[in-house]
Amino acid sequence: YDAVLVANGHHWDPNVPAFPGSFTGDVMHSHDYRTPDVLAGRDVIVVGIGNSGTDIAVEAAAHARSTVLSSRRSAHIVPRYIFGRPTDEYTSPGFSRMPVWMQRIPYRLMLWAARGRQRSYGVPEPRHKLLQEHPTLSEKLLDLVRDGQIIMKPNIERLGNGKVRFADGTASRADLLIYATGYRISFPFLPDDVITVKDNVIPLYRKVIHPARPGLFFMGLIQPLGAIMPLVEQQAEWVARLLRGAPLPSKGEMHTSIAEDQDRLRKRYVDVPRHTIQVDYFPYKRLMEHEVETAERALA
């Protein structure tokens, strides 16, 4: 083959943490969760305060006997709607050109007006700043925590027979443990000498091309703040022109660009595996559009 396009997704290989001790109840990952029937009448602990974890915890509050939500760092809980509009509509191309610290100011004001301080509901304020982590969207979590239908706990310290002990020294009874702890980026169909992924880090130019593997393209290997489909379409437009003969920068230039991108990610986001492929929607869209235009001019 002259080219291979890898588009296997990155939300399919569940990451399951290893805690000390043993658990005699049922264990599952959010990847396998389908309907709330599995929660009915049970003592449920959900691990992870991302979007999957909060959604499952909210459903558990309506079906389970008890619901605990465990989180290492907590998160900024953002309503799905603010002032009657979907929250993501407040991000515009012009807004995305502002420095991140400046973007935080209107977001903080909107969140304050929409929900006040989240710690007043019983959800701890995270140490990281707003926009330093992929947002957790939930319309119901804060109210359910305030009403006592969901109990917030820190990270798990140890698993036990029918009980789970947390970092604050407390323990909760449980017979169902649900890990909403993200995914590993992996390519089981590619040998290690072709591509190696460690801690979800894969060094790709523009999140698409490995400098040492011409003809191998990774499509959709991004975690955007916004919709992924239009961005993957732009990636495809660019790759189509590369396959027609549009040039790439030198390997050295691509490695430099990759290092700069990874440095920006480390400075911007909390250092966890879920952020290694993070992109902002409008800046990345502009970047891909520029690559498409540059490649089109080179082919003209």
C-alpha atoms as a PDB file:
ATOM      1  CA  TYR A   1       0.000   0.000   0.000  1.00  0.00           C
ATOM      2  CA  ASP A   2       1.137   3.532  -0.699  1.00  0.00           C
ATOM      3  CA  ALA A   3      -0.923   4.907   2.185  1.00  0.00           C
ATOM      4  CA  VAL A   4      -2.779   3.692   5.265  1.00  0.00           C
ATOM      5  CA  LEU A   5      -5.323   5.854   7.091  1.00  0.00           C
ATOM      6  CA  VAL A   6      -5.895   4.794  10.703  1.00  0.00           C
ATOM      7  CA  ALA A   7      -9.364   5.774  11.922  1.00  0.00           C
ATOM      8  CA  ASN A   8     -10.074   3.302  14.727  1.00  0.00           C
ATOM      9  CA  GLY A   9     -11.090   5.942  17.275  1.00  0.00           C
ATOM     10  CA  HIS A  10      -9.749   6.501  20.767  1.00  0.00           C
ATOM     11  CA  HIS A  11     -12.766   5.702  22.958  1.00  0.00           C
ATOM     12  CA  TRP A  12     -12.724   1.908  22.755  1.00  0.00           C
ATOM     13  CA  ASP A  13      -9.834   0.587  24.915  1.00  0.00           C
ATOM     14  CA  PRO A  14     -10.983   1.196  28.534  1.00  0.00           C
ATOM     15  CA  ASN A  15      -8.486   2.401  31.114  1.00  0.00           C
ATOM     16  CA  VAL A  16      -9.130   0.617  34.419  1.00  0.00           C
ATOM     17  CA  PRO A  17      -7.071   1.833  37.402  1.00  0.00           C
ATOM     18  CA  ALA A  18      -5.478  -0.613  39.830  1.00  0.00           C
ATOM     19  CA  PHE A  19      -6.331   0.092  43.466  1.00  0.00           C
ATOM     20  CA  PRO A  20      -4.968  -1.914  46.418  1.00  0.00           C
ATOM     21  CA  GLY A  21      -7.188  -4.601  47.879  1.00  0.00           C
ATOM     22  CA  SER A  22      -9.956  -6.620  46.288  1.00  0.00           C
ATOM     23  CA  PHE A  23     -13.596  -5.966  45.547  1.00  0.00           C
ATOM     24  CA  THR A  24     -16.195  -8.726  45.740  1.00  0.00           C
ATOM     25  CA  GLY A  25     -18.988  -6.840  43.980  1.00  0.00           C
ATOM     26  CA  ASP A  26     -19.503  -6.253  40.283  1.00  0.00           C
ATOM     27  CA  VAL A  27     -17.073  -4.053  38.365  1.00  0.00           C
ATOM     28  CA  MET A  28     -17.613  -2.415  34.989  1.00  0.00           C
ATOM     29  CA  HIS A  29     -16.261   0.429  32.874  1.00  0.00           C
ATOM     30  CA  SER A  30     -18.443   3.223  31.553  1.00  0.00           C
ATOM     31  CA  HIS A  31     -17.630   1.897  28.076  1.00  0.00           C
ATOM     32  CA  ASP A  32     -19.914  -1.072  28.792  1.00  0.00           C
ATOM     33  CA  TYR A  33     -22.710   0.909  30.445  1.00  0.00           C
ATOM     34  CA  ARG A  34     -25.886   1.024  28.381  1.00  0.00           C
ATOM     35  CA  THR A  35     -29.059   1.392  30.492  1.00  0.00           C
ATOM     36  CA  PRO A  36     -29.759   2.151  34.160  1.00  0.00           C
ATOM     37  CA  ASP A  37     -31.281  -1.296  34.782  1.00  0.00           C
ATOM     38  CA  VAL A  38     -27.903  -2.466  36.096  1.00  0.00           C
ATOM     39  CA  LEU A  39     -28.086   0.227  38.810  1.00  0.00           C
ATOM     40  CA  ALA A  40     -31.497  -0.599  40.240  1.00  0.00           C
ATOM     41  CA  GLY A  41     -31.526  -1.154  44.008  1.00  0.00           C
ATOM     42  CA  ARG A  42     -27.742  -1.265  44.343  1.00  0.00           C
ATOM     43  CA  ASP A  43     -25.061   0.651  46.218  1.00  0.00           C
ATOM     44  CA  VAL A  44     -23.090   2.226  43.393  1.00  0.00           C
ATOM     45  CA  ILE A  45     -19.727   3.950  43.368  1.00  0.00           C
ATOM     46  CA  VAL A  46     -18.798   5.815  40.188  1.00  0.00           C
ATOM     47  CA  VAL A  47     -15.112   6.667  39.790  1.00  0.00           C
ATOM     48  CA  GLY A  48     -14.386   9.697  37.624  1.00  0.00           C
ATOM     49  CA  ILE A  49     -16.005  13.118  37.335  1.00  0.00           C
ATOM     50  CA  GLY A  50     -15.776  13.545  33.572  1.00  0.00           C
ATOM     51  CA  ASN A  51     -18.850  13.631  31.363  1.00  0.00           C
ATOM     52  CA  SER A  52     -19.443   9.875  31.412  1.00  0.00           C
ATOM     53  CA  GLY A  53     -19.011   9.635  35.168  1.00  0.00           C
ATOM     54  CA  THR A  54     -21.389  12.481  35.964  1.00  0.00           C
ATOM     55  CA  ASP A  55     -24.024  11.207  33.515  1.00  0.00           C
ATOM     56  CA  ILE A  56     -23.958   7.736  35.074  1.00  0.00           C
ATOM     57  CA  ALA A  57     -24.003   9.156  38.611  1.00  0.00           C
ATOM     58  CA  VAL A  58     -27.056  11.256  37.746  1.00  0.00           C
ATOM     59  CA  GLU A  59     -28.862   8.170  36.433  1.00  0.00           C
ATOM     60  CA  ALA A  60     -27.774   6.171  39.473  1.00  0.00           C
ATOM     61  CA  ALA A  61     -29.330   8.780  41.757  1.00  0.00           C
ATOM     62  CA  ALA A  62     -32.718   7.920  40.231  1.00  0.00           C
ATOM     63  CA  HIS A  63     -32.329   4.118  40.267  1.00  0.00           C
ATOM     64  CA  ALA A  64     -29.713   2.979  42.786  1.00  0.00           C
ATOM     65  CA  ARG A  65     -30.116   2.510  46.542  1.00  0.00           C
ATOM     66  CA  SER A  66     -27.138   4.822  47.108  1.00  0.00           C
ATOM     67  CA  THR A  67     -24.756   6.701  44.813  1.00  0.00           C
ATOM     68  CA  VAL A  68     -21.194   7.828  45.490  1.00  0.00           C
ATOM     69  CA  LEU A  69     -19.104   9.812  42.996  1.00  0.00           C
ATOM     70  CA  SER A  70     -15.344   9.545  43.576  1.00  0.00           C
ATOM     71  CA  SER A  71     -12.851  11.966  42.025  1.00  0.00           C
ATOM     72  CA  ARG A  72      -9.147  12.659  42.448  1.00  0.00           C
ATOM     73  CA  ARG A  73      -9.213  16.372  41.580  1.00  0.00           C
ATOM     74  CA  SER A  74     -12.887  17.290  41.187  1.00  0.00           C
ATOM     75  CA  ALA A  75     -13.814  19.367  38.119  1.00  0.00           C
ATOM     76  CA  HIS A  76     -15.483  22.581  37.055  1.00  0.00           C
ATOM     77  CA  ILE A  77     -19.126  21.595  36.532  1.00  0.00           C
ATOM     78  CA  VAL A  78     -20.533  23.570  33.623  1.00  0.00           C
ATOM     79  CA  PRO A  79     -24.289  23.701  32.893  1.00  0.00           C
ATOM     80  CA  ARG A  80     -25.286  22.471  29.452  1.00  0.00           C
ATOM     81  CA  TYR A  81     -27.324  25.649  29.015  1.00  0.00           C
ATOM     82  CA  ILE A  82     -26.532  29.154  30.234  1.00  0.00           C
ATOM     83  CA  PHE A  83     -29.178  31.856  29.867  1.00  0.00           C
ATOM     84  CA  GLY A  84     -31.215  29.492  27.700  1.00  0.00           C
ATOM     85  CA  ARG A  85     -28.456  28.853  25.142  1.00  0.00           C
ATOM     86  CA  PRO A  86     -26.196  25.796  24.727  1.00  0.00           C
ATOM     87  CA  THR A  87     -22.972  26.614  26.527  1.00  0.00           C
ATOM     88  CA  ASP A  88     -20.738  25.928  23.519  1.00  0.00           C
ATOM     89  CA  GLU A  89     -22.550  28.640  21.531  1.00  0.00           C
ATOM     90  CA  TYR A  90     -20.739  31.240  23.620  1.00  0.00           C
ATOM     91  CA  THR A  91     -17.459  30.243  21.962  1.00  0.00           C
ATOM     92  CA  SER A  92     -16.984  32.004  18.635  1.00  0.00           C
ATOM     93  CA  PRO A  93     -14.098  32.264  16.156  1.00  0.00           C
ATOM     94  CA  GLY A  94     -13.277  35.724  17.465  1.00  0.00           C
ATOM     95  CA  PHE A  95     -13.531  34.660  21.096  1.00  0.00           C
ATOM     96  CA  SER A  96     -11.146  31.754  20.440  1.00  0.00           C
ATOM     97  CA  ARG A  97      -8.413  34.183  19.332  1.00  0.00           C
ATOM     98  CA  MET A  98      -8.233  35.691  22.824  1.00  0.00           C
ATOM     99  CA  PRO A  99      -5.567  34.473  25.271  1.00  0.00           C
ATOM    100  CA  VAL A 100      -6.836  31.678  27.491  1.00  0.00           C
ATOM    101  CA  TRP A 101      -6.580  33.813  30.651  1.00  0.00           C
ATOM    102  CA  MET A 102      -8.831  36.393  29.003  1.00  0.00           C
ATOM    103  CA  GLN A 103     -11.343  33.740  27.873  1.00  0.00           C
ATOM    104  CA  ARG A 104     -11.702  32.641  31.498  1.00  0.00           C
ATOM    105  CA  ILE A 105     -13.112  36.005  32.611  1.00  0.00           C
ATOM    106  CA  PRO A 106     -16.492  35.902  30.792  1.00  0.00           C
ATOM    107  CA  TYR A 107     -16.806  32.154  31.475  1.00  0.00           C
ATOM    108  CA  ARG A 108     -16.329  32.723  35.205  1.00  0.00           C
ATOM    109  CA  LEU A 109     -18.918  35.491  35.194  1.00  0.00           C
ATOM    110  CA  MET A 110     -21.433  33.347  33.311  1.00  0.00           C
ATOM    111  CA  LEU A 111     -20.877  30.379  35.627  1.00  0.00           C
ATOM    112  CA  TRP A 112     -21.270  32.616  38.675  1.00  0.00           C
ATOM    113  CA  ALA A 113     -24.556  33.960  37.334  1.00  0.00           C
ATOM    114  CA  ALA A 114     -25.808  30.501  36.315  1.00  0.00           C
ATOM    115  CA  ARG A 115     -24.935  28.465  39.410  1.00  0.00           C
ATOM    116  CA  GLY A 116     -22.900  30.451  41.928  1.00  0.00           C
ATOM    117  CA  ARG A 117     -20.023  28.656  43.674  1.00  0.00           C
ATOM    118  CA  GLN A 118     -20.147  24.906  43.143  1.00  0.00           C
ATOM    119  CA  ARG A 119     -18.732  24.215  46.604  1.00  0.00           C
ATOM    120  CA  SER A 120     -21.962  25.623  48.040  1.00  0.00           C
ATOM    121  CA  TYR A 121     -23.648  22.548  46.535  1.00  0.00           C
ATOM    122  CA  GLY A 122     -21.127  20.198  48.113  1.00  0.00           C
ATOM    123  CA  VAL A 123     -18.916  19.642  45.054  1.00  0.00           C
ATOM    124  CA  PRO A 124     -15.281  20.617  45.807  1.00  0.00           C
ATOM    125  CA  GLU A 125     -13.690  23.343  43.739  1.00  0.00           C
ATOM    126  CA  PRO A 126     -10.789  21.891  41.730  1.00  0.00           C
ATOM    127  CA  ARG A 127      -7.320  23.325  42.136  1.00  0.00           C
ATOM    128  CA  HIS A 128      -6.841  23.693  38.393  1.00  0.00           C
ATOM    129  CA  LYS A 129      -8.248  26.706  36.591  1.00  0.00           C
ATOM    130  CA  LEU A 130     -11.223  26.833  34.297  1.00  0.00           C
ATOM    131  CA  LEU A 131     -10.268  25.751  30.735  1.00  0.00           C
ATOM    132  CA  GLN A 132      -7.309  23.747  32.032  1.00  0.00           C
ATOM    133  CA  GLU A 133      -9.298  20.543  31.638  1.00  0.00           C
ATOM    134  CA  HIS A 134     -11.880  19.179  29.229  1.00  0.00           C
ATOM    135  CA  PRO A 135     -15.180  20.606  30.581  1.00  0.00           C
ATOM    136  CA  THR A 136     -17.639  18.479  32.526  1.00  0.00           C
ATOM    137  CA  LEU A 137     -21.150  19.360  31.392  1.00  0.00           C
ATOM    138  CA  SER A 138     -24.065  18.525  33.672  1.00  0.00           C
ATOM    139  CA  GLU A 139     -27.398  20.156  34.303  1.00  0.00           C
ATOM    140  CA  LYS A 140     -28.329  18.031  37.323  1.00  0.00           C
ATOM    141  CA  LEU A 141     -25.214  16.954  39.222  1.00  0.00           C
ATOM    142  CA  LEU A 142     -24.909  19.970  41.522  1.00  0.00           C
ATOM    143  CA  ASP A 143     -28.538  19.857  42.634  1.00  0.00           C
ATOM    144  CA  LEU A 144     -28.387  16.097  43.267  1.00  0.00           C
ATOM    145  CA  VAL A 145     -25.262  16.493  45.405  1.00  0.00           C
ATOM    146  CA  ARG A 146     -26.844  19.326  47.364  1.00  0.00           C
ATOM    147  CA  ASP A 147     -29.954  17.209  47.946  1.00  0.00           C
ATOM    148  CA  GLY A 148     -27.841  14.296  49.196  1.00  0.00           C
ATOM    149  CA  GLN A 149     -28.811  11.936  46.390  1.00  0.00           C
ATOM    150  CA  ILE A 150     -25.179  11.785  45.241  1.00  0.00           C
ATOM    151  CA  ILE A 151     -22.382  11.683  47.821  1.00  0.00           C
ATOM    152  CA  MET A 152     -19.046  13.185  46.783  1.00  0.00           C
ATOM    153  CA  LYS A 153     -15.862  11.383  47.832  1.00  0.00           C
ATOM    154  CA  PRO A 154     -12.146  11.838  47.051  1.00  0.00           C
ATOM    155  CA  ASN A 155     -10.004   9.222  45.335  1.00  0.00           C
ATOM    156  CA  ILE A 156     -10.202   5.566  46.344  1.00  0.00           C
ATOM    157  CA  GLU A 157      -7.488   4.470  48.763  1.00  0.00           C
ATOM    158  CA  ARG A 158      -8.319   0.788  49.085  1.00  0.00           C
ATOM    159  CA  LEU A 159     -10.884  -1.753  47.940  1.00  0.00           C
ATOM    160  CA  GLY A 160     -12.443  -4.122  50.473  1.00  0.00           C
ATOM    161  CA  ASN A 161     -15.077  -6.806  50.770  1.00  0.00           C
ATOM    162  CA  GLY A 162     -18.300  -4.915  50.218  1.00  0.00           C
ATOM    163  CA  LYS A 163     -16.727  -1.576  51.185  1.00  0.00           C
ATOM    164  CA  VAL A 164     -14.482   0.983  49.544  1.00  0.00           C
ATOM    165  CA  ARG A 165     -12.167   3.208  51.577  1.00  0.00           C
ATOM    166  CA  PHE A 166     -11.362   6.726  50.362  1.00  0.00           C
ATOM    167  CA  ALA A 167      -8.401   9.071  50.780  1.00  0.00           C
ATOM    168  CA  ASP A 168     -10.214  11.073  53.484  1.00  0.00           C
ATOM    169  CA  GLY A 169     -10.443   7.986  55.723  1.00  0.00           C
ATOM    170  CA  THR A 170     -14.167   7.391  55.167  1.00  0.00           C
ATOM    171  CA  ALA A 171     -15.638   4.237  53.664  1.00  0.00           C
ATOM    172  CA  SER A 172     -18.787   3.451  51.685  1.00  0.00           C
ATOM    173  CA  ARG A 173     -20.671   0.216  51.158  1.00  0.00           C
ATOM    174  CA  ALA A 174     -20.849  -0.866  47.530  1.00  0.00           C
ATOM    175  CA  ASP A 175     -21.858  -3.802  45.384  1.00  0.00           C
ATOM    176  CA  LEU A 176     -21.269  -2.125  42.007  1.00  0.00           C
ATOM    177  CA  LEU A 177     -18.150  -0.208  41.027  1.00  0.00           C
ATOM    178  CA  ILE A 178     -18.220   1.726  37.745  1.00  0.00           C
ATOM    179  CA  TYR A 179     -14.982   3.127  36.380  1.00  0.00           C
ATOM    180  CA  ALA A 180     -15.507   6.214  34.238  1.00  0.00           C
ATOM    181  CA  THR A 181     -11.754   6.611  33.965  1.00  0.00           C
ATOM    182  CA  GLY A 182     -11.161   7.217  30.298  1.00  0.00           C
ATOM    183  CA  TYR A 183      -9.402   5.222  27.625  1.00  0.00           C
ATOM    184  CA  ARG A 184      -5.982   4.139  26.449  1.00  0.00           C
ATOM    185  CA  ILE A 185      -4.844   5.103  22.979  1.00  0.00           C
ATOM    186  CA  SER A 186      -3.753   1.880  21.331  1.00  0.00           C
ATOM    187  CA  PHE A 187      -3.299   0.334  17.913  1.00  0.00           C
ATOM    188  CA  PRO A 188      -3.180  -3.462  18.330  1.00  0.00           C
ATOM    189  CA  PHE A 189      -3.013  -3.962  14.572  1.00  0.00           C
ATOM    190  CA  LEU A 190       0.261  -1.987  14.288  1.00  0.00           C
ATOM    191  CA  PRO A 191       3.534  -3.556  15.513  1.00  0.00           C
ATOM    192  CA  ASP A 192       5.596  -1.673  18.094  1.00  0.00           C
ATOM    193  CA  ASP A 193       8.350  -0.948  15.607  1.00  0.00           C
ATOM    194  CA  VAL A 194       5.827   1.005  13.515  1.00  0.00           C
ATOM    195  CA  ILE A 195       4.263   3.105  16.269  1.00  0.00           C
ATOM    196  CA  THR A 196       4.654   3.161  20.039  1.00  0.00           C
ATOM    197  CA  VAL A 197       2.236   4.878  22.411  1.00  0.00           C
ATOM    198  CA  LYS A 198       3.286   5.566  26.006  1.00  0.00           C
ATOM    199  CA  ASP A 199       0.964   7.273  28.497  1.00  0.00           C
ATOM    200  CA  ASN A 200      -1.347   8.152  25.603  1.00  0.00           C
ATOM    201  CA  VAL A 201       1.375  10.262  23.974  1.00  0.00           C
ATOM    202  CA  ILE A 202       1.768   9.795  20.240  1.00  0.00           C
ATOM    203  CA  PRO A 203       3.998  12.370  18.506  1.00  0.00           C
ATOM    204  CA  LEU A 204       2.140  13.385  15.355  1.00  0.00           C
ATOM    205  CA  TYR A 205       2.557  16.428  13.137  1.00  0.00           C
ATOM    206  CA  ARG A 206      -0.732  18.347  13.182  1.00  0.00           C
ATOM    207  CA  LYS A 207      -2.109  15.351  15.136  1.00  0.00           C
ATOM    208  CA  VAL A 208      -2.128  13.367  11.860  1.00  0.00           C
ATOM    209  CA  ILE A 209       1.352  12.403  10.592  1.00  0.00           C
ATOM    210  CA  HIS A 210       4.269  10.581  12.190  1.00  0.00           C
ATOM    211  CA  PRO A 211       7.434  12.130  10.707  1.00  0.00           C
ATOM    212  CA  ALA A 212       9.187   8.752  10.495  1.00  0.00           C
ATOM    213  CA  ARG A 213       6.246   6.964   8.823  1.00  0.00           C
ATOM    214  CA  PRO A 214       5.372   8.613   5.495  1.00  0.00           C
ATOM    215  CA  GLY A 215       2.123   7.284   4.116  1.00  0.00           C
ATOM    216  CA  LEU A 216       0.692   6.487   7.561  1.00  0.00           C
ATOM    217  CA  PHE A 217      -2.046   8.915   8.625  1.00  0.00           C
ATOM    218  CA  PHE A 218      -4.071   9.049  11.855  1.00  0.00           C
ATOM    219  CA  MET A 219      -7.571  10.434  11.395  1.00  0.00           C
ATOM    220  CA  GLY A 220      -9.697  11.770  14.232  1.00  0.00           C
ATOM    221  CA  LEU A 221      -7.047  11.204  16.896  1.00  0.00           C
ATOM    222  CA  ILE A 222      -8.029  14.435  18.632  1.00  0.00           C
ATOM    223  CA  GLN A 223     -10.067  15.443  21.671  1.00  0.00           C
ATOM    224  CA  PRO A 224     -11.623  18.783  20.709  1.00  0.00           C
ATOM    225  CA  LEU A 225     -13.376  21.398  22.783  1.00  0.00           C
ATOM    226  CA  GLY A 226     -16.240  21.271  20.287  1.00  0.00           C
ATOM    227  CA  ALA A 227     -17.467  18.940  17.561  1.00  0.00           C
ATOM    228  CA  ILE A 228     -14.974  16.472  16.111  1.00  0.00           C
ATOM    229  CA  MET A 229     -16.629  15.776  12.739  1.00  0.00           C
ATOM    230  CA  PRO A 230     -15.847  19.091  10.961  1.00  0.00           C
ATOM    231  CA  LEU A 231     -12.239  18.842  12.120  1.00  0.00           C
ATOM    232  CA  VAL A 232     -11.821  15.310  10.792  1.00  0.00           C
ATOM    233  CA  GLU A 233     -13.292  16.486   7.496  1.00  0.00           C
ATOM    234  CA  GLN A 234     -10.554  19.125   7.292  1.00  0.00           C
ATOM    235  CA  GLN A 235      -7.948  16.479   8.107  1.00  0.00           C
ATOM    236  CA  ALA A 236      -9.290  14.360   5.246  1.00  0.00           C
ATOM    237  CA  GLU A 237      -9.142  17.328   2.847  1.00  0.00           C
ATOM    238  CA  TRP A 238      -5.502  17.862   3.780  1.00  0.00           C
ATOM    239  CA  VAL A 239      -4.516  14.188   3.519  1.00  0.00           C
ATOM    240  CA  ALA A 240      -6.241  13.922   0.130  1.00  0.00           C
ATOM    241  CA  ARG A 241      -3.971  16.674  -1.184  1.00  0.00           C
ATOM    242  CA  LEU A 242      -0.884  15.098   0.366  1.00  0.00           C
ATOM    243  CA  LEU A 243      -1.750  11.879  -1.459  1.00  0.00           C
ATOM    244  CA  ARG A 244      -1.905  13.879  -4.683  1.00  0.00           C
ATOM    245  CA  GLY A 245       1.657  15.034  -4.111  1.00  0.00           C
ATOM    246  CA  ALA A 246       1.495  18.138  -1.922  1.00  0.00           C
ATOM    247  CA  PRO A 247       4.754  18.435   0.061  1.00  0.00           C
ATOM    248  CA  LEU A 248       5.320  18.222   3.801  1.00  0.00           C
ATOM    249  CA  PRO A 249       7.933  20.104   5.840  1.00  0.00           C
ATOM    250  CA  SER A 250      11.208  18.354   6.587  1.00  0.00           C
ATOM    251  CA  LYS A 251      11.333  15.761   9.356  1.00  0.00           C
ATOM    252  CA  GLY A 252      13.266  18.197  11.528  1.00  0.00           C
ATOM    253  CA  GLU A 253      10.633  20.905  11.076  1.00  0.00           C
ATOM    254  CA  MET A 254       7.850  18.457  11.883  1.00  0.00           C
ATOM    255  CA  HIS A 255       9.624  17.234  15.040  1.00  0.00           C
ATOM    256  CA  THR A 256      10.100  20.841  16.154  1.00  0.00           C
ATOM    257  CA  SER A 257       6.427  21.599  15.574  1.00  0.00           C
ATOM    258  CA  ILE A 258       5.385  18.475  17.516  1.00  0.00           C
ATOM    259  CA  ALA A 259       7.613  19.408  20.467  1.00  0.00           C
ATOM    260  CA  GLU A 260       6.175  22.942  20.537  1.00  0.00           C
ATOM    261  CA  ASP A 261       2.625  21.576  20.438  1.00  0.00           C
ATOM    262  CA  GLN A 262       3.287  19.136  23.294  1.00  0.00           C
ATOM    263  CA  ASP A 263       4.874  21.944  25.317  1.00  0.00           C
ATOM    264  CA  ARG A 264       1.750  24.085  24.813  1.00  0.00           C
ATOM    265  CA  LEU A 265      -0.450  21.211  25.976  1.00  0.00           C
ATOM    266  CA  ARG A 266       1.633  20.713  29.131  1.00  0.00           C
ATOM    267  CA  LYS A 267       1.371  24.406  29.989  1.00  0.00           C
ATOM    268  CA  ARG A 268      -2.340  24.674  29.203  1.00  0.00           C
ATOM    269  CA  TYR A 269      -3.913  21.493  30.597  1.00  0.00           C
ATOM    270  CA  VAL A 270      -3.815  19.321  33.681  1.00  0.00           C
ATOM    271  CA  ASP A 271      -1.167  16.647  33.162  1.00  0.00           C
ATOM    272  CA  VAL A 272      -3.354  13.569  32.603  1.00  0.00           C
ATOM    273  CA  PRO A 273      -3.514  11.127  29.652  1.00  0.00           C
ATOM    274  CA  ARG A 274      -6.879  12.450  28.412  1.00  0.00           C
ATOM    275  CA  HIS A 275      -5.259  15.760  27.403  1.00  0.00           C
ATOM    276  CA  THR A 276      -2.440  14.455  25.227  1.00  0.00           C
ATOM    277  CA  ILE A 277      -4.581  14.827  22.076  1.00  0.00           C
ATOM    278  CA  GLN A 278      -6.559  17.885  23.161  1.00  0.00           C
ATOM    279  CA  VAL A 279      -7.306  20.668  20.670  1.00  0.00           C
ATOM    280  CA  ASP A 280      -9.431  23.807  20.706  1.00  0.00           C
ATOM    281  CA  TYR A 281     -12.049  23.709  17.975  1.00  0.00           C
ATOM    282  CA  PHE A 282     -11.586  26.998  16.155  1.00  0.00           C
ATOM    283  CA  PRO A 283      -7.762  27.271  16.379  1.00  0.00           C
ATOM    284  CA  TYR A 284      -7.352  23.697  15.107  1.00  0.00           C
ATOM    285  CA  LYS A 285      -9.921  24.274  12.361  1.00  0.00           C
ATOM    286  CA  ARG A 286      -8.004  27.355  11.224  1.00  0.00           C
ATOM    287  CA  LEU A 287      -4.760  25.363  11.293  1.00  0.00           C
ATOM    288  CA  MET A 288      -6.224  22.593   9.130  1.00  0.00           C
ATOM    289  CA  GLU A 289      -7.770  25.090   6.708  1.00  0.00           C
ATOM    290  CA  HIS A 290      -4.356  26.739   6.356  1.00  0.00           C
ATOM    291  CA  GLU A 291      -2.744  23.363   5.602  1.00  0.00           C
ATOM    292  CA  VAL A 292      -5.410  22.612   2.984  1.00  0.00           C
ATOM    293  CA  GLU A 293      -4.907  25.996   1.313  1.00  0.00           C
ATOM    294  CA  THR A 294      -1.109  25.634   1.377  1.00  0.00           C
ATOM    295  CA  ALA A 295      -1.300  22.160  -0.143  1.00  0.00           C
ATOM    296  CA  GLU A 296      -3.752  23.363  -2.827  1.00  0.00           C
ATOM    297  CA  ARG A 297      -1.395  26.166  -3.854  1.00  0.00           C
ATOM    298  CA  ALA A 298       1.508  23.711  -4.064  1.00  0.00           C
ATOM    299  CA  LEU A 299      -0.523  21.480  -6.407  1.00  0.00           C
ATOM    300  CA  ALA A 300      -1.684  24.326  -8.648  1.00  0.00           C
END
